[in-house]
């Protein structure tokens, strides 16, 4: 795990970075290899690292083809393939699934009103006055 983390610490985030995505996937693979049943902490860390790896590819050109990706010097596809063979799911491992999950907190009316105001302002619209019934 030291090599991928060193690369991530030394490289700058760019809009599209196959190297950083590969490093995040390699770090996730290292977490999984270290745990023999996967603990909840390792599972959460792995899921976060895979998400960060995907995020480093969000800004890639929409018309990029496999040809462009295969020209990369990074072993992106090999690491991703090994992760996919592990069959990671969006759910925690079964042994951990019995723990009660924390739901999202309720939406506060103040935060909802603030979001609407910001949306309307960004589109140049005026907020309608509140009507009483």
N, C-alpha and C. Protein backbone atom coordinates (compact mmCIF):
# COMPACT_ATOMS: atom_id res chain seq x y z
N UNK A 1 0.83 -1.21 0.00
CA UNK A 1 0.00 0.00 0.00
C UNK A 1 0.86 1.26 0.00
N UNK A 2 2.12 1.13 0.37
CA UNK A 2 2.99 2.30 0.48
C UNK A 2 3.21 2.99 -0.88
N UNK A 3 3.45 2.21 -1.93
CA UNK A 3 3.73 2.80 -3.24
C UNK A 3 2.54 3.60 -3.79
N UNK A 4 1.33 3.01 -3.80
CA UNK A 4 0.20 3.82 -4.31
C UNK A 4 -0.03 5.08 -3.48
N UNK A 5 0.11 4.97 -2.16
CA UNK A 5 -0.13 6.14 -1.31
C UNK A 5 0.94 7.21 -1.53
N UNK A 6 2.18 6.79 -1.74
CA UNK A 6 3.26 7.74 -2.02
C UNK A 6 2.97 8.48 -3.34
N UNK A 7 2.56 7.73 -4.35
CA UNK A 7 2.25 8.36 -5.63
C UNK A 7 1.11 9.37 -5.47
N UNK A 8 0.07 9.00 -4.73
CA UNK A 8 -1.07 9.91 -4.53
C UNK A 8 -0.64 11.16 -3.78
N UNK A 9 0.26 11.01 -2.82
CA UNK A 9 0.73 12.17 -2.04
C UNK A 9 1.57 13.11 -2.89
N UNK A 10 2.30 12.56 -3.86
CA UNK A 10 3.23 13.38 -4.64
C UNK A 10 2.62 13.92 -5.93
N UNK A 11 1.52 13.36 -6.39
CA UNK A 11 0.94 13.81 -7.66
C UNK A 11 -0.22 14.76 -7.42
N UNK A 12 -0.38 15.68 -8.33
CA UNK A 12 -1.46 16.66 -8.22
C UNK A 12 -2.72 16.10 -8.88
N UNK A 13 -3.88 16.48 -8.34
CA UNK A 13 -5.14 16.07 -8.94
C UNK A 13 -5.30 16.80 -10.26
N UNK A 14 -5.65 16.04 -11.28
CA UNK A 14 -5.98 16.60 -12.58
C UNK A 14 -7.37 16.13 -12.95
N UNK A 15 -7.93 16.78 -13.91
CA UNK A 15 -9.28 16.45 -14.36
C UNK A 15 -9.42 15.00 -14.80
N UNK A 16 -8.39 14.45 -15.40
CA UNK A 16 -8.43 13.08 -15.90
C UNK A 16 -7.05 12.47 -15.66
N UNK A 17 -6.95 11.56 -14.70
CA UNK A 17 -5.64 10.99 -14.38
C UNK A 17 -5.74 9.48 -14.23
N UNK A 18 -5.24 8.78 -15.24
CA UNK A 18 -5.22 7.31 -15.18
C UNK A 18 -4.27 6.83 -14.10
N UNK A 19 -3.18 7.58 -13.87
CA UNK A 19 -2.21 7.20 -12.85
C UNK A 19 -2.81 7.25 -11.46
N UNK A 20 -3.50 8.34 -11.14
CA UNK A 20 -4.12 8.46 -9.82
C UNK A 20 -5.24 7.43 -9.65
N UNK A 21 -6.02 7.20 -10.69
CA UNK A 21 -7.09 6.19 -10.60
C UNK A 21 -6.48 4.82 -10.33
N UNK A 22 -5.40 4.48 -11.02
CA UNK A 22 -4.73 3.20 -10.82
C UNK A 22 -4.19 3.10 -9.40
N UNK A 23 -3.62 4.19 -8.89
CA UNK A 23 -3.07 4.17 -7.52
C UNK A 23 -4.18 3.95 -6.50
N UNK A 24 -5.33 4.59 -6.68
CA UNK A 24 -6.44 4.37 -5.75
C UNK A 24 -6.93 2.92 -5.81
N UNK A 25 -7.04 2.36 -7.01
CA UNK A 25 -7.47 0.97 -7.15
C UNK A 25 -6.45 0.02 -6.54
N UNK A 26 -5.16 0.31 -6.71
CA UNK A 26 -4.11 -0.54 -6.13
C UNK A 26 -4.15 -0.48 -4.61
N UNK A 27 -4.42 0.70 -4.06
CA UNK A 27 -4.54 0.83 -2.60
C UNK A 27 -5.74 0.03 -2.10
N UNK A 28 -6.86 0.09 -2.83
CA UNK A 28 -8.04 -0.69 -2.45
C UNK A 28 -7.74 -2.18 -2.49
N UNK A 29 -7.02 -2.60 -3.52
CA UNK A 29 -6.65 -4.01 -3.64
C UNK A 29 -5.76 -4.43 -2.46
N UNK A 30 -4.87 -3.56 -2.03
CA UNK A 30 -4.01 -3.87 -0.88
C UNK A 30 -4.82 -4.03 0.40
N UNK A 31 -5.83 -3.19 0.59
CA UNK A 31 -6.69 -3.33 1.77
C UNK A 31 -7.38 -4.69 1.77
N UNK A 32 -7.88 -5.10 0.61
CA UNK A 32 -8.60 -6.37 0.53
C UNK A 32 -7.66 -7.55 0.74
N UNK A 33 -6.44 -7.45 0.24
CA UNK A 33 -5.49 -8.55 0.37
C UNK A 33 -5.04 -8.73 1.82
N UNK A 34 -5.05 -7.66 2.59
CA UNK A 34 -4.57 -7.72 3.97
C UNK A 34 -5.61 -8.33 4.93
N UNK A 35 -6.87 -8.29 4.57
CA UNK A 35 -7.94 -8.78 5.44
C UNK A 35 -8.43 -10.14 4.97
N UNK A 36 -8.50 -11.10 5.88
CA UNK A 36 -8.95 -12.40 5.43
C UNK A 36 -10.43 -12.63 5.63
N UNK A 37 -11.19 -12.44 6.61
CA UNK A 37 -12.51 -12.01 6.22
C UNK A 37 -12.44 -10.50 6.25
N UNK A 38 -13.12 -9.88 5.32
CA UNK A 38 -13.05 -8.42 5.19
C UNK A 38 -13.81 -7.77 6.34
N UNK A 39 -13.12 -6.95 7.11
CA UNK A 39 -13.77 -6.25 8.22
C UNK A 39 -14.57 -5.07 7.68
N UNK A 40 -15.43 -4.53 8.52
CA UNK A 40 -16.24 -3.39 8.10
C UNK A 40 -15.35 -2.19 7.78
N UNK A 41 -14.30 -1.97 8.56
CA UNK A 41 -13.40 -0.85 8.31
C UNK A 41 -12.69 -1.01 6.97
N UNK A 42 -12.20 -2.22 6.68
CA UNK A 42 -11.52 -2.46 5.40
C UNK A 42 -12.50 -2.32 4.24
N UNK A 43 -13.73 -2.82 4.42
CA UNK A 43 -14.74 -2.71 3.36
C UNK A 43 -15.06 -1.25 3.07
N UNK A 44 -15.25 -0.44 4.12
CA UNK A 44 -15.55 0.98 3.92
C UNK A 44 -14.38 1.70 3.26
N UNK A 45 -13.16 1.38 3.69
CA UNK A 45 -11.99 2.02 3.09
C UNK A 45 -11.86 1.63 1.63
N UNK A 46 -12.08 0.36 1.33
CA UNK A 46 -11.99 -0.11 -0.05
C UNK A 46 -13.03 0.58 -0.93
N UNK A 47 -14.24 0.67 -0.43
CA UNK A 47 -15.31 1.32 -1.20
C UNK A 47 -14.96 2.79 -1.46
N UNK A 48 -14.42 3.47 -0.46
CA UNK A 48 -14.05 4.88 -0.62
C UNK A 48 -12.91 5.03 -1.62
N UNK A 49 -11.93 4.14 -1.57
CA UNK A 49 -10.80 4.22 -2.50
C UNK A 49 -11.24 3.96 -3.94
N UNK A 50 -12.13 3.01 -4.14
CA UNK A 50 -12.63 2.74 -5.50
C UNK A 50 -13.41 3.96 -6.00
N UNK A 51 -14.21 4.58 -5.14
CA UNK A 51 -14.95 5.78 -5.52
C UNK A 51 -13.98 6.90 -5.93
N UNK A 52 -12.92 7.09 -5.14
CA UNK A 52 -11.94 8.13 -5.46
C UNK A 52 -11.22 7.84 -6.78
N UNK A 53 -10.94 6.56 -7.03
CA UNK A 53 -10.33 6.18 -8.30
C UNK A 53 -11.24 6.51 -9.47
N UNK A 54 -12.52 6.20 -9.33
CA UNK A 54 -13.48 6.53 -10.39
C UNK A 54 -13.58 8.04 -10.58
N UNK A 55 -13.52 8.77 -9.48
CA UNK A 55 -13.64 10.23 -9.54
C UNK A 55 -12.49 10.84 -10.35
N UNK A 56 -11.33 10.22 -10.33
CA UNK A 56 -10.20 10.74 -11.09
C UNK A 56 -10.37 10.56 -12.59
N UNK A 57 -11.40 9.84 -12.99
CA UNK A 57 -11.67 9.65 -14.42
C UNK A 57 -12.91 10.41 -14.86
N UNK A 58 -13.57 11.10 -13.93
CA UNK A 58 -14.80 11.82 -14.26
C UNK A 58 -14.58 12.89 -15.33
N UNK A 59 -13.41 13.51 -15.33
CA UNK A 59 -13.17 14.62 -16.26
C UNK A 59 -12.58 14.20 -17.58
N UNK A 60 -12.48 12.91 -17.84
CA UNK A 60 -11.92 12.44 -19.11
C UNK A 60 -12.85 12.82 -20.26
N UNK A 61 -12.30 12.95 -21.42
CA UNK A 61 -13.08 13.33 -22.59
C UNK A 61 -14.21 12.34 -22.83
N UNK A 62 -15.41 12.81 -23.18
CA UNK A 62 -16.54 11.90 -23.37
C UNK A 62 -16.37 10.98 -24.57
N UNK A 63 -15.55 11.35 -25.53
CA UNK A 63 -15.40 10.50 -26.70
C UNK A 63 -14.13 9.64 -26.64
N UNK A 64 -13.58 9.48 -25.43
CA UNK A 64 -12.37 8.67 -25.28
C UNK A 64 -12.71 7.21 -25.56
N UNK A 65 -11.83 6.54 -26.26
CA UNK A 65 -12.07 5.14 -26.62
C UNK A 65 -11.11 4.25 -25.85
N UNK A 66 -11.33 2.95 -25.96
CA UNK A 66 -10.45 1.98 -25.32
C UNK A 66 -9.03 2.14 -25.86
N UNK A 67 -8.90 2.53 -27.12
CA UNK A 67 -7.57 2.73 -27.71
C UNK A 67 -6.76 3.74 -26.89
N UNK A 68 -7.39 4.87 -26.52
CA UNK A 68 -6.70 5.89 -25.72
C UNK A 68 -6.28 5.31 -24.37
N UNK A 69 -7.16 4.55 -23.76
CA UNK A 69 -6.87 3.99 -22.45
C UNK A 69 -5.76 2.96 -22.53
N UNK A 70 -5.74 2.18 -23.57
CA UNK A 70 -4.72 1.14 -23.71
C UNK A 70 -3.34 1.74 -23.97
N UNK A 71 -3.28 2.98 -24.43
CA UNK A 71 -2.00 3.64 -24.67
C UNK A 71 -1.39 4.18 -23.37
N UNK A 72 -2.15 4.14 -22.29
CA UNK A 72 -1.65 4.62 -21.01
C UNK A 72 -0.59 3.66 -20.48
N UNK A 73 0.42 4.22 -19.84
CA UNK A 73 1.48 3.40 -19.26
C UNK A 73 1.09 2.79 -17.92
N UNK A 74 -0.10 3.08 -17.43
CA UNK A 74 -0.53 2.60 -16.12
C UNK A 74 -1.23 1.25 -16.24
N UNK A 75 -1.02 0.36 -15.27
CA UNK A 75 -1.68 -0.96 -15.33
C UNK A 75 -3.13 -0.90 -14.84
N UNK A 76 -3.84 0.11 -15.30
CA UNK A 76 -5.21 0.38 -14.86
C UNK A 76 -6.11 -0.84 -15.00
N UNK A 77 -6.13 -1.42 -16.20
CA UNK A 77 -7.06 -2.51 -16.47
C UNK A 77 -6.72 -3.77 -15.67
N UNK A 78 -5.44 -4.04 -15.44
CA UNK A 78 -5.05 -5.22 -14.67
C UNK A 78 -5.54 -5.11 -13.23
N UNK A 79 -5.31 -3.93 -12.62
CA UNK A 79 -5.73 -3.74 -11.22
C UNK A 79 -7.24 -3.75 -11.13
N UNK A 80 -7.91 -3.05 -12.03
CA UNK A 80 -9.38 -3.02 -12.01
C UNK A 80 -9.95 -4.42 -12.22
N UNK A 81 -9.35 -5.18 -13.12
CA UNK A 81 -9.80 -6.56 -13.35
C UNK A 81 -9.69 -7.42 -12.11
N UNK A 82 -8.58 -7.28 -11.38
CA UNK A 82 -8.43 -8.07 -10.14
C UNK A 82 -9.45 -7.65 -9.10
N UNK A 83 -9.76 -6.36 -9.03
CA UNK A 83 -10.79 -5.90 -8.08
C UNK A 83 -12.15 -6.46 -8.47
N UNK A 84 -12.45 -6.46 -9.76
CA UNK A 84 -13.75 -6.97 -10.21
C UNK A 84 -13.88 -8.47 -9.96
N UNK A 85 -12.77 -9.19 -10.04
CA UNK A 85 -12.83 -10.63 -9.74
C UNK A 85 -13.22 -10.90 -8.30
N UNK A 86 -12.93 -9.97 -7.42
CA UNK A 86 -13.30 -10.13 -6.00
C UNK A 86 -14.80 -9.95 -5.80
N UNK A 87 -15.47 -9.41 -6.79
CA UNK A 87 -16.92 -9.26 -6.72
C UNK A 87 -17.38 -8.32 -5.62
N UNK A 88 -16.80 -7.14 -5.54
CA UNK A 88 -17.21 -6.17 -4.53
C UNK A 88 -18.64 -5.74 -4.79
N UNK A 89 -19.39 -5.62 -3.74
CA UNK A 89 -20.77 -5.17 -3.89
C UNK A 89 -20.93 -3.83 -3.19
N UNK A 90 -22.08 -3.21 -3.39
CA UNK A 90 -22.36 -1.96 -2.71
C UNK A 90 -22.76 -2.18 -1.26
N UNK A 91 -23.02 -3.42 -0.90
CA UNK A 91 -23.46 -3.73 0.46
C UNK A 91 -22.29 -4.25 1.28
N UNK A 92 -22.37 -4.05 2.57
CA UNK A 92 -21.35 -4.58 3.49
C UNK A 92 -21.40 -6.10 3.46
N UNK A 93 -20.30 -6.77 3.80
CA UNK A 93 -20.32 -8.24 3.87
C UNK A 93 -21.45 -8.71 4.78
N UNK A 94 -21.97 -9.92 4.53
CA UNK A 94 -23.13 -10.44 5.26
C UNK A 94 -22.96 -10.40 6.77
N UNK A 95 -21.80 -10.75 7.25
CA UNK A 95 -21.57 -10.76 8.69
C UNK A 95 -21.76 -9.37 9.27
N UNK A 96 -21.49 -8.36 8.47
CA UNK A 96 -21.61 -6.99 8.94
C UNK A 96 -22.99 -6.42 8.66
N UNK A 97 -23.71 -7.04 7.75
CA UNK A 97 -25.01 -6.53 7.34
C UNK A 97 -26.07 -6.58 8.43
N UNK A 98 -25.83 -7.37 9.48
CA UNK A 98 -26.83 -7.48 10.54
C UNK A 98 -26.82 -6.27 11.46
N UNK A 99 -25.74 -5.48 11.43
CA UNK A 99 -25.67 -4.29 12.27
C UNK A 99 -26.67 -3.26 11.75
N UNK A 100 -27.34 -2.54 12.67
CA UNK A 100 -28.29 -1.54 12.20
C UNK A 100 -27.57 -0.43 11.45
N UNK A 101 -28.14 -0.05 10.32
CA UNK A 101 -27.49 0.99 9.53
C UNK A 101 -28.01 2.36 9.96
N UNK A 102 -27.19 3.33 9.75
CA UNK A 102 -27.59 4.69 10.07
C UNK A 102 -28.21 5.30 8.83
N UNK A 103 -29.44 5.74 8.96
CA UNK A 103 -30.11 6.38 7.84
C UNK A 103 -29.66 7.83 7.73
N UNK A 104 -30.04 8.45 6.65
CA UNK A 104 -29.68 9.85 6.50
C UNK A 104 -30.55 10.69 7.42
N UNK A 105 -30.03 11.81 7.90
CA UNK A 105 -30.83 12.66 8.79
C UNK A 105 -31.97 13.31 8.02
N UNK A 106 -33.02 13.71 8.73
CA UNK A 106 -34.14 14.35 8.04
C UNK A 106 -33.72 15.71 7.46
N UNK A 107 -34.40 16.11 6.39
CA UNK A 107 -34.11 17.39 5.76
C UNK A 107 -34.72 18.50 6.62
N UNK A 108 -33.90 19.49 6.92
CA UNK A 108 -34.39 20.63 7.70
C UNK A 108 -35.06 21.63 6.77
N UNK A 109 -36.18 22.19 7.18
CA UNK A 109 -36.88 23.15 6.32
C UNK A 109 -35.99 24.34 5.94
N UNK A 110 -35.10 24.77 6.88
CA UNK A 110 -34.22 25.92 6.59
C UNK A 110 -33.25 25.59 5.47
N UNK A 111 -32.69 24.38 5.50
CA UNK A 111 -31.73 24.02 4.45
C UNK A 111 -32.42 23.84 3.11
N UNK A 112 -33.63 23.32 3.13
CA UNK A 112 -34.39 23.17 1.88
C UNK A 112 -34.71 24.54 1.29
N UNK A 113 -35.12 25.49 2.14
CA UNK A 113 -35.44 26.84 1.67
C UNK A 113 -34.19 27.52 1.11
N UNK A 114 -33.04 27.32 1.76
CA UNK A 114 -31.80 27.91 1.28
C UNK A 114 -31.42 27.34 -0.09
N UNK A 115 -31.57 26.04 -0.26
CA UNK A 115 -31.25 25.42 -1.55
C UNK A 115 -32.14 25.97 -2.66
N UNK A 116 -33.43 26.13 -2.37
CA UNK A 116 -34.34 26.67 -3.38
C UNK A 116 -33.97 28.09 -3.74
N UNK A 117 -33.63 28.92 -2.71
CA UNK A 117 -33.24 30.30 -2.99
C UNK A 117 -32.01 30.35 -3.88
N UNK A 118 -31.03 29.53 -3.57
CA UNK A 118 -29.80 29.50 -4.38
C UNK A 118 -30.09 29.05 -5.80
N UNK A 119 -30.94 28.04 -5.96
CA UNK A 119 -31.30 27.57 -7.29
C UNK A 119 -32.01 28.65 -8.09
N UNK A 120 -32.97 29.31 -7.47
CA UNK A 120 -33.71 30.36 -8.17
C UNK A 120 -32.80 31.52 -8.54
N UNK A 121 -31.91 31.92 -7.62
CA UNK A 121 -30.99 33.02 -7.91
C UNK A 121 -30.04 32.65 -9.04
N UNK A 122 -29.57 31.40 -9.06
CA UNK A 122 -28.63 31.00 -10.11
C UNK A 122 -29.28 31.00 -11.49
N UNK A 123 -30.60 30.91 -11.54
CA UNK A 123 -31.32 30.91 -12.81
C UNK A 123 -31.98 32.26 -13.10
N UNK A 124 -31.69 33.24 -12.24
CA UNK A 124 -32.23 34.58 -12.46
C UNK A 124 -33.73 34.67 -12.21
N UNK A 125 -34.26 33.82 -11.38
CA UNK A 125 -35.70 33.83 -11.08
C UNK A 125 -35.93 34.44 -9.70
N UNK A 126 -37.12 34.94 -9.51
CA UNK A 126 -37.46 35.50 -8.21
C UNK A 126 -38.25 34.50 -7.40
N UNK A 127 -38.05 34.59 -6.11
CA UNK A 127 -38.77 33.71 -5.20
C UNK A 127 -40.19 34.23 -5.02
N UNK A 128 -41.17 33.36 -5.10
CA UNK A 128 -42.56 33.75 -4.90
C UNK A 128 -42.80 33.98 -3.42
N UNK A 129 -43.58 35.00 -3.09
CA UNK A 129 -43.87 35.23 -1.69
C UNK A 129 -44.68 34.07 -1.11
N UNK A 130 -44.46 33.78 0.16
CA UNK A 130 -45.17 32.69 0.80
C UNK A 130 -46.65 33.05 0.92
N UNK A 131 -47.50 32.11 0.65
CA UNK A 131 -48.94 32.34 0.75
C UNK A 131 -49.45 31.66 2.00
N UNK A 132 -50.33 32.30 2.67
CA UNK A 132 -50.92 31.70 3.87
C UNK A 132 -52.28 31.13 3.52
N UNK A 133 -52.54 29.97 4.04
CA UNK A 133 -53.83 29.32 3.75
C UNK A 133 -54.69 29.29 4.96
